[in-house]
Amino acid sequence: MFDPKSRYAKLTPLVLTDARGRSVEVTPPATAPQQVFRGVHVRRDGERTDHLAALYLADPAAFWRLAEFNDAMRAEVLTELREVQIPQQGKT
């Protein structure tokens, strides 16, 4: 279900019962990665989160790290910020 590199790939799913009495398999939240502050990027119009992740983290799929570091629930929230805090590149 998850990409093997995903931080969710190794988590054990939980089985919960919903309000209608059905068993539902859910993925627990992953722990936040330990990241070190690198600097601030002032966004320009048209810059997407995958562009910033490719530039600073050498992985366009690491846009979630930018969202996590900026305390954003979704990466789309970053497009509303003028300044985006950037973590150091490297393994989390």
N, C-alpha and C. Protein backbone atom coordinates (compact mmCIF):
# COMPACT_ATOMS: atom_id res chain seq x y z
N MET A 1 0.81 -1.18 0.00
CA MET A 1 0.00 0.00 0.00
C MET A 1 0.87 1.26 0.00
N PHE A 2 1.98 1.25 0.72
CA PHE A 2 2.87 2.40 0.77
C PHE A 2 4.16 2.09 0.01
N ASP A 3 4.77 3.13 -0.52
CA ASP A 3 6.07 2.99 -1.15
C ASP A 3 7.04 2.45 -0.10
N PRO A 4 7.94 1.55 -0.48
CA PRO A 4 8.88 0.98 0.51
C PRO A 4 9.72 2.03 1.24
N LYS A 5 9.93 3.20 0.63
CA LYS A 5 10.71 4.26 1.28
C LYS A 5 9.88 5.12 2.23
N SER A 6 8.56 4.91 2.21
CA SER A 6 7.67 5.71 3.03
C SER A 6 7.89 5.45 4.52
N ARG A 7 7.72 6.49 5.33
CA ARG A 7 7.85 6.32 6.78
C ARG A 7 6.67 5.54 7.35
N TYR A 8 5.64 5.32 6.54
CA TYR A 8 4.48 4.53 6.97
C TYR A 8 4.60 3.06 6.61
N ALA A 9 5.54 2.71 5.75
CA ALA A 9 5.65 1.35 5.23
C ALA A 9 5.87 0.30 6.31
N LYS A 10 6.62 0.63 7.34
CA LYS A 10 6.95 -0.36 8.36
C LYS A 10 6.01 -0.33 9.57
N LEU A 11 5.02 0.54 9.54
CA LEU A 11 4.08 0.62 10.65
C LEU A 11 3.07 -0.52 10.58
N THR A 12 2.71 -1.05 11.71
CA THR A 12 1.72 -2.11 11.78
C THR A 12 0.33 -1.50 11.82
N PRO A 13 -0.53 -1.86 10.85
CA PRO A 13 -1.89 -1.31 10.85
C PRO A 13 -2.66 -1.75 12.09
N LEU A 14 -3.60 -0.92 12.49
CA LEU A 14 -4.47 -1.21 13.62
C LEU A 14 -5.86 -1.54 13.08
N VAL A 15 -6.59 -2.40 13.79
CA VAL A 15 -7.97 -2.69 13.43
C VAL A 15 -8.86 -2.06 14.50
N LEU A 16 -9.71 -1.14 14.06
CA LEU A 16 -10.61 -0.44 14.96
C LEU A 16 -12.05 -0.71 14.55
N THR A 17 -12.95 -0.48 15.46
CA THR A 17 -14.37 -0.62 15.16
C THR A 17 -14.96 0.77 15.01
N ASP A 18 -15.63 1.02 13.87
CA ASP A 18 -16.22 2.34 13.65
C ASP A 18 -17.58 2.44 14.33
N ALA A 19 -18.21 3.60 14.20
CA ALA A 19 -19.49 3.86 14.87
C ALA A 19 -20.60 2.92 14.42
N ARG A 20 -20.45 2.32 13.24
CA ARG A 20 -21.48 1.40 12.74
C ARG A 20 -21.17 -0.05 13.08
N GLY A 21 -20.10 -0.27 13.85
CA GLY A 21 -19.76 -1.62 14.28
C GLY A 21 -18.89 -2.39 13.30
N ARG A 22 -18.38 -1.74 12.27
CA ARG A 22 -17.53 -2.40 11.28
C ARG A 22 -16.07 -2.37 11.71
N SER A 23 -15.33 -3.42 11.37
CA SER A 23 -13.89 -3.44 11.62
C SER A 23 -13.20 -2.71 10.47
N VAL A 24 -12.37 -1.74 10.83
CA VAL A 24 -11.69 -0.92 9.84
C VAL A 24 -10.20 -0.95 10.13
N GLU A 25 -9.40 -1.22 9.11
CA GLU A 25 -7.94 -1.20 9.26
C GLU A 25 -7.45 0.22 9.01
N VAL A 26 -6.67 0.74 9.95
CA VAL A 26 -6.12 2.10 9.83
C VAL A 26 -4.62 2.07 10.06
N THR A 27 -3.94 3.04 9.48
CA THR A 27 -2.51 3.19 9.68
C THR A 27 -2.29 4.23 10.77
N PRO A 28 -1.52 3.89 11.80
CA PRO A 28 -1.27 4.87 12.86
C PRO A 28 -0.38 5.99 12.34
N PRO A 29 -0.40 7.13 13.00
CA PRO A 29 0.48 8.22 12.56
C PRO A 29 1.94 7.85 12.76
N ALA A 30 2.76 8.28 11.83
CA ALA A 30 4.21 8.05 11.94
C ALA A 30 4.80 9.11 12.87
N THR A 31 5.88 8.76 13.52
CA THR A 31 6.55 9.74 14.37
C THR A 31 7.20 10.81 13.49
N ALA A 32 7.24 12.01 13.98
CA ALA A 32 7.84 13.11 13.24
C ALA A 32 9.35 12.90 13.15
N PRO A 33 9.93 13.12 11.99
CA PRO A 33 11.37 12.97 11.86
C PRO A 33 12.11 14.07 12.62
N GLN A 34 13.28 13.75 13.11
CA GLN A 34 14.13 14.74 13.76
C GLN A 34 14.85 15.50 12.64
N GLN A 35 14.54 16.78 12.52
CA GLN A 35 15.13 17.58 11.46
C GLN A 35 15.79 18.82 12.06
N VAL A 36 16.85 19.26 11.42
CA VAL A 36 17.62 20.41 11.88
C VAL A 36 17.37 21.58 10.92
N PHE A 37 17.15 22.75 11.48
CA PHE A 37 16.88 23.96 10.69
C PHE A 37 18.06 24.32 9.80
N ARG A 38 17.77 24.55 8.52
CA ARG A 38 18.80 24.96 7.56
C ARG A 38 18.70 26.44 7.25
N GLY A 39 17.48 26.92 7.03
CA GLY A 39 17.28 28.32 6.69
C GLY A 39 15.85 28.56 6.25
N VAL A 40 15.62 29.73 5.67
CA VAL A 40 14.29 30.12 5.22
C VAL A 40 14.33 30.40 3.72
N HIS A 41 13.31 29.94 3.03
CA HIS A 41 13.17 30.21 1.60
C HIS A 41 11.99 31.15 1.42
N VAL A 42 12.20 32.26 0.72
CA VAL A 42 11.12 33.18 0.40
C VAL A 42 10.52 32.72 -0.93
N ARG A 43 9.26 32.28 -0.87
CA ARG A 43 8.60 31.71 -2.04
C ARG A 43 8.31 32.77 -3.10
N ARG A 44 8.41 32.33 -4.34
CA ARG A 44 8.01 33.15 -5.48
C ARG A 44 6.76 32.52 -6.07
N ASP A 45 5.99 33.30 -6.80
CA ASP A 45 4.80 32.77 -7.45
C ASP A 45 5.18 31.59 -8.35
N GLY A 46 4.38 30.55 -8.29
CA GLY A 46 4.60 29.39 -9.14
C GLY A 46 5.49 28.32 -8.55
N GLU A 47 6.17 28.60 -7.45
CA GLU A 47 7.03 27.58 -6.83
C GLU A 47 6.16 26.58 -6.08
N ARG A 48 6.31 25.33 -6.44
CA ARG A 48 5.56 24.27 -5.79
C ARG A 48 6.43 23.60 -4.73
N THR A 49 5.75 22.88 -3.84
CA THR A 49 6.49 22.22 -2.76
C THR A 49 7.45 21.16 -3.29
N ASP A 50 7.08 20.48 -4.37
CA ASP A 50 8.01 19.49 -4.92
C ASP A 50 9.24 20.16 -5.52
N HIS A 51 9.10 21.38 -6.04
CA HIS A 51 10.26 22.12 -6.54
C HIS A 51 11.22 22.44 -5.39
N LEU A 52 10.65 22.92 -4.29
CA LEU A 52 11.49 23.26 -3.13
C LEU A 52 12.17 22.02 -2.55
N ALA A 53 11.43 20.92 -2.49
CA ALA A 53 12.02 19.67 -1.97
C ALA A 53 13.15 19.19 -2.88
N ALA A 54 12.96 19.31 -4.18
CA ALA A 54 14.02 18.90 -5.11
C ALA A 54 15.25 19.79 -4.94
N LEU A 55 15.04 21.09 -4.79
CA LEU A 55 16.14 22.04 -4.66
C LEU A 55 16.91 21.85 -3.36
N TYR A 56 16.22 21.76 -2.24
CA TYR A 56 16.88 21.75 -0.94
C TYR A 56 17.12 20.35 -0.37
N LEU A 57 16.28 19.39 -0.74
CA LEU A 57 16.39 18.05 -0.14
C LEU A 57 16.80 16.99 -1.15
N ALA A 58 17.00 17.40 -2.41
CA ALA A 58 17.42 16.51 -3.49
C ALA A 58 16.43 15.38 -3.74
N ASP A 59 15.16 15.62 -3.40
CA ASP A 59 14.13 14.60 -3.61
C ASP A 59 12.77 15.29 -3.70
N PRO A 60 12.20 15.41 -4.90
CA PRO A 60 10.91 16.08 -5.02
C PRO A 60 9.79 15.41 -4.23
N ALA A 61 9.94 14.13 -3.98
CA ALA A 61 8.93 13.40 -3.20
C ALA A 61 9.03 13.69 -1.71
N ALA A 62 10.03 14.44 -1.29
CA ALA A 62 10.22 14.75 0.14
C ALA A 62 9.50 16.03 0.54
N PHE A 63 8.54 16.47 -0.26
CA PHE A 63 7.77 17.67 0.07
C PHE A 63 7.10 17.54 1.43
N TRP A 64 6.80 16.32 1.84
CA TRP A 64 6.16 16.10 3.15
C TRP A 64 7.06 16.54 4.28
N ARG A 65 8.40 16.45 4.07
CA ARG A 65 9.34 16.91 5.11
C ARG A 65 9.23 18.41 5.32
N LEU A 66 9.01 19.15 4.22
CA LEU A 66 8.82 20.59 4.34
C LEU A 66 7.53 20.89 5.10
N ALA A 67 6.47 20.16 4.77
CA ALA A 67 5.20 20.36 5.47
C ALA A 67 5.36 20.04 6.95
N GLU A 68 5.99 18.93 7.26
CA GLU A 68 6.19 18.52 8.66
C GLU A 68 7.01 19.57 9.41
N PHE A 69 8.07 20.06 8.77
CA PHE A 69 8.96 21.02 9.41
C PHE A 69 8.28 22.36 9.66
N ASN A 70 7.30 22.70 8.81
CA ASN A 70 6.58 23.96 8.94
C ASN A 70 5.25 23.80 9.67
N ASP A 71 5.07 22.64 10.29
CA ASP A 71 3.88 22.35 11.09
C ASP A 71 2.60 22.52 10.28
N ALA A 72 2.64 22.06 9.02
CA ALA A 72 1.49 22.13 8.13
C ALA A 72 0.88 20.73 8.01
N MET A 73 -0.43 20.65 8.15
CA MET A 73 -1.11 19.35 8.06
C MET A 73 -1.04 18.78 6.64
N ARG A 74 -1.05 19.66 5.64
CA ARG A 74 -0.97 19.25 4.24
C ARG A 74 0.08 20.11 3.55
N ALA A 75 0.73 19.55 2.56
CA ALA A 75 1.77 20.29 1.84
C ALA A 75 1.20 21.52 1.12
N GLU A 76 -0.08 21.47 0.74
CA GLU A 76 -0.70 22.60 0.04
C GLU A 76 -0.68 23.87 0.90
N VAL A 77 -0.67 23.71 2.21
CA VAL A 77 -0.64 24.86 3.12
C VAL A 77 0.62 25.69 2.87
N LEU A 78 1.70 25.04 2.48
CA LEU A 78 2.97 25.76 2.25
C LEU A 78 2.84 26.77 1.12
N THR A 79 1.94 26.52 0.17
CA THR A 79 1.78 27.46 -0.95
C THR A 79 1.17 28.78 -0.50
N GLU A 80 0.62 28.81 0.70
CA GLU A 80 0.05 30.05 1.25
C GLU A 80 1.07 30.82 2.08
N LEU A 81 2.20 30.21 2.38
CA LEU A 81 3.23 30.87 3.18
C LEU A 81 4.17 31.69 2.29
N ARG A 82 4.56 32.83 2.76
CA ARG A 82 5.55 33.64 2.04
C ARG A 82 6.95 33.10 2.31
N GLU A 83 7.20 32.71 3.57
CA GLU A 83 8.50 32.16 3.95
C GLU A 83 8.33 30.73 4.42
N VAL A 84 9.14 29.84 3.85
CA VAL A 84 9.09 28.42 4.19
C VAL A 84 10.38 28.05 4.89
N GLN A 85 10.27 27.49 6.08
CA GLN A 85 11.46 27.03 6.79
C GLN A 85 11.95 25.74 6.14
N ILE A 86 13.25 25.65 5.97
CA ILE A 86 13.86 24.52 5.27
C ILE A 86 14.72 23.71 6.24
N PRO A 87 14.51 22.38 6.28
CA PRO A 87 15.38 21.53 7.12
C PRO A 87 16.66 21.17 6.36
N GLN A 88 17.64 20.68 7.10
CA GLN A 88 18.88 20.20 6.50
C GLN A 88 18.56 19.00 5.60
N GLN A 89 19.34 18.86 4.55
CA GLN A 89 19.22 17.70 3.68
C GLN A 89 19.81 16.50 4.40
N GLY A 90 19.32 15.34 4.10
CA GLY A 90 19.87 14.12 4.68
C GLY A 90 18.79 13.21 5.16
N LYS A 91 19.19 12.06 5.68
CA LYS A 91 18.23 11.05 6.14
C LYS A 91 17.54 11.55 7.39
N THR A 92 16.28 11.14 7.50
CA THR A 92 15.51 11.49 8.69
C THR A 92 15.35 10.30 9.57
